[in-house]
Amino acid sequence: MTIEEISLFIESSAATKNDTITKVFYGNKTYYGFFNPSEDYDTLRALNKWRFVPNESSVLFTDDNAKGTTKSYSVILNGNDIVKIELKTFVYTK
């Protein structure tokens, strides 16, 4: 996907919130989690690279967010390898 397509999705949706699940089709893999626009967002964006927190790391990310040590829980995805992005929201029922 292009820089414009991905940044538009990130900047205009809940894709960066950890109460939603973003599904990223990346080559032959599928990632679930959320985008993390940290302080290196503009640098990575210029290279069509994106910081993404996989679902399995989201609890650790949230716990360490206040400490500023959250980058170790994220992966950098190359936008050229992203095929499609979907947003899933939680629906709570009783």
C-alpha atoms as a PDB file:
ATOM      1  CA  MET A   1       0.000   0.000   0.000  1.00  0.00           C
ATOM      2  CA  THR A   2       1.119   3.580  -0.468  1.00  0.00           C
ATOM      3  CA  ILE A   3       2.170   6.057   2.213  1.00  0.00           C
ATOM      4  CA  GLU A   4      -0.962   8.090   1.581  1.00  0.00           C
ATOM      5  CA  GLU A   5      -3.319   5.098   1.887  1.00  0.00           C
ATOM      6  CA  ILE A   6      -1.812   3.896   5.150  1.00  0.00           C
ATOM      7  CA  SER A   7      -1.393   7.312   6.778  1.00  0.00           C
ATOM      8  CA  LEU A   8      -4.970   8.240   5.859  1.00  0.00           C
ATOM      9  CA  PHE A   9      -6.184   5.065   7.542  1.00  0.00           C
ATOM     10  CA  ILE A  10      -4.091   5.663  10.670  1.00  0.00           C
ATOM     11  CA  GLU A  11      -4.872   9.357  10.996  1.00  0.00           C
ATOM     12  CA  SER A  12      -8.604   9.089  10.314  1.00  0.00           C
ATOM     13  CA  SER A  13      -9.558   5.982  12.268  1.00  0.00           C
ATOM     14  CA  ALA A  14      -9.303   4.242  15.591  1.00  0.00           C
ATOM     15  CA  ALA A  15      -6.387   2.174  14.282  1.00  0.00           C
ATOM     16  CA  THR A  16      -4.066   3.600  16.921  1.00  0.00           C
ATOM     17  CA  LYS A  17      -6.285   2.880  19.902  1.00  0.00           C
ATOM     18  CA  ASN A  18      -5.724  -0.288  21.863  1.00  0.00           C
ATOM     19  CA  ASP A  19      -9.475  -0.849  22.339  1.00  0.00           C
ATOM     20  CA  THR A  20      -9.813  -1.765  18.674  1.00  0.00           C
ATOM     21  CA  ILE A  21      -8.136  -4.470  16.648  1.00  0.00           C
ATOM     22  CA  THR A  22      -6.503  -3.672  13.349  1.00  0.00           C
ATOM     23  CA  LYS A  23      -6.078  -6.607  10.981  1.00  0.00           C
ATOM     24  CA  VAL A  24      -3.135  -6.165   8.630  1.00  0.00           C
ATOM     25  CA  PHE A  25      -2.614  -8.502   5.701  1.00  0.00           C
ATOM     26  CA  TYR A  26       1.153  -8.429   5.284  1.00  0.00           C
ATOM     27  CA  GLY A  27       2.514 -10.556   2.485  1.00  0.00           C
ATOM     28  CA  ASN A  28       1.508 -14.081   3.480  1.00  0.00           C
ATOM     29  CA  LYS A  29       0.987 -13.202   7.185  1.00  0.00           C
ATOM     30  CA  THR A  30      -1.880 -11.591   9.054  1.00  0.00           C
ATOM     31  CA  TYR A  31      -1.191  -9.329  12.041  1.00  0.00           C
ATOM     32  CA  TYR A  32      -3.733  -8.311  14.660  1.00  0.00           C
ATOM     33  CA  GLY A  33      -3.043  -5.313  16.896  1.00  0.00           C
ATOM     34  CA  PHE A  34      -2.828  -1.546  16.520  1.00  0.00           C
ATOM     35  CA  PHE A  35      -0.611   1.083  14.931  1.00  0.00           C
ATOM     36  CA  ASN A  36       1.593   3.057  17.323  1.00  0.00           C
ATOM     37  CA  PRO A  37       2.384   6.550  16.002  1.00  0.00           C
ATOM     38  CA  SER A  38       5.320   7.218  18.354  1.00  0.00           C
ATOM     39  CA  GLU A  39       7.870  10.030  18.114  1.00  0.00           C
ATOM     40  CA  ASP A  40       9.487   8.418  15.057  1.00  0.00           C
ATOM     41  CA  TYR A  41       6.192   8.420  13.107  1.00  0.00           C
ATOM     42  CA  ASP A  42       7.245  11.096  10.577  1.00  0.00           C
ATOM     43  CA  THR A  43      10.634   9.462   9.956  1.00  0.00           C
ATOM     44  CA  LEU A  44       9.112   6.032   9.425  1.00  0.00           C
ATOM     45  CA  ARG A  45       6.211   7.434   7.380  1.00  0.00           C
ATOM     46  CA  ALA A  46       8.652   9.002   4.903  1.00  0.00           C
ATOM     47  CA  LEU A  47      10.083   5.505   4.313  1.00  0.00           C
ATOM     48  CA  ASN A  48       6.618   3.866   4.112  1.00  0.00           C
ATOM     49  CA  LYS A  49       7.359   1.985   7.338  1.00  0.00           C
ATOM     50  CA  TRP A  50       4.904   1.732  10.213  1.00  0.00           C
ATOM     51  CA  ARG A  51       5.216   0.891  13.907  1.00  0.00           C
ATOM     52  CA  PHE A  52       2.646  -1.766  14.834  1.00  0.00           C
ATOM     53  CA  VAL A  53       1.947  -3.393  18.211  1.00  0.00           C
ATOM     54  CA  PRO A  54       0.836  -7.008  17.730  1.00  0.00           C
ATOM     55  CA  ASN A  55      -2.110  -8.120  19.836  1.00  0.00           C
ATOM     56  CA  GLU A  56       0.023 -10.560  21.838  1.00  0.00           C
ATOM     57  CA  SER A  57       2.193  -7.641  23.016  1.00  0.00           C
ATOM     58  CA  SER A  58      -0.598  -5.161  23.705  1.00  0.00           C
ATOM     59  CA  VAL A  59      -0.845  -5.835  27.465  1.00  0.00           C
ATOM     60  CA  LEU A  60       2.902  -5.391  27.935  1.00  0.00           C
ATOM     61  CA  PHE A  61       2.779  -2.282  25.757  1.00  0.00           C
ATOM     62  CA  THR A  62      -0.029  -0.776  27.830  1.00  0.00           C
ATOM     63  CA  ASP A  63       1.725  -1.623  31.128  1.00  0.00           C
ATOM     64  CA  ASP A  64       5.014  -0.029  30.017  1.00  0.00           C
ATOM     65  CA  ASN A  65       3.523   2.926  28.131  1.00  0.00           C
ATOM     66  CA  ALA A  66       4.112   5.289  31.057  1.00  0.00           C
ATOM     67  CA  LYS A  67       7.759   4.217  31.288  1.00  0.00           C
ATOM     68  CA  GLY A  68       8.540   5.120  27.678  1.00  0.00           C
ATOM     69  CA  THR A  69       9.897   1.642  26.942  1.00  0.00           C
ATOM     70  CA  THR A  70       7.162   0.521  24.592  1.00  0.00           C
ATOM     71  CA  LYS A  71       9.141   0.291  21.341  1.00  0.00           C
ATOM     72  CA  SER A  72      10.383  -3.188  22.229  1.00  0.00           C
ATOM     73  CA  TYR A  73       6.800  -4.469  21.953  1.00  0.00           C
ATOM     74  CA  SER A  74       6.238  -3.212  18.429  1.00  0.00           C
ATOM     75  CA  VAL A  75       7.295  -4.336  14.971  1.00  0.00           C
ATOM     76  CA  ILE A  76       8.095  -2.194  11.951  1.00  0.00           C
ATOM     77  CA  LEU A  77       5.998  -3.102   8.913  1.00  0.00           C
ATOM     78  CA  ASN A  78       7.036  -2.147   5.399  1.00  0.00           C
ATOM     79  CA  GLY A  79       4.074  -0.469   3.728  1.00  0.00           C
ATOM     80  CA  ASN A  80       4.998  -1.952   0.349  1.00  0.00           C
ATOM     81  CA  ASP A  81       4.268  -5.401   1.794  1.00  0.00           C
ATOM     82  CA  ILE A  82       0.900  -4.459   3.315  1.00  0.00           C
ATOM     83  CA  VAL A  83      -1.825  -5.831   1.093  1.00  0.00           C
ATOM     84  CA  LYS A  84      -4.903  -4.694   3.028  1.00  0.00           C
ATOM     85  CA  ILE A  85      -5.898  -3.193   6.398  1.00  0.00           C
ATOM     86  CA  GLU A  86      -9.184  -3.797   8.210  1.00  0.00           C
ATOM     87  CA  LEU A  87     -10.462  -2.315  11.454  1.00  0.00           C
ATOM     88  CA  LYS A  88     -12.325  -4.478  13.939  1.00  0.00           C
ATOM     89  CA  THR A  89     -14.159  -2.942  16.888  1.00  0.00           C
ATOM     90  CA  PHE A  90     -15.245  -4.730  20.028  1.00  0.00           C
ATOM     91  CA  VAL A  91     -18.907  -5.372  20.611  1.00  0.00           C
ATOM     92  CA  TYR A  92     -19.780  -6.167  24.206  1.00  0.00           C
ATOM     93  CA  THR A  93     -22.943  -8.114  24.914  1.00  0.00           C
ATOM     94  CA  LYS A  94     -24.405  -9.707  28.024  1.00  0.00           C
END
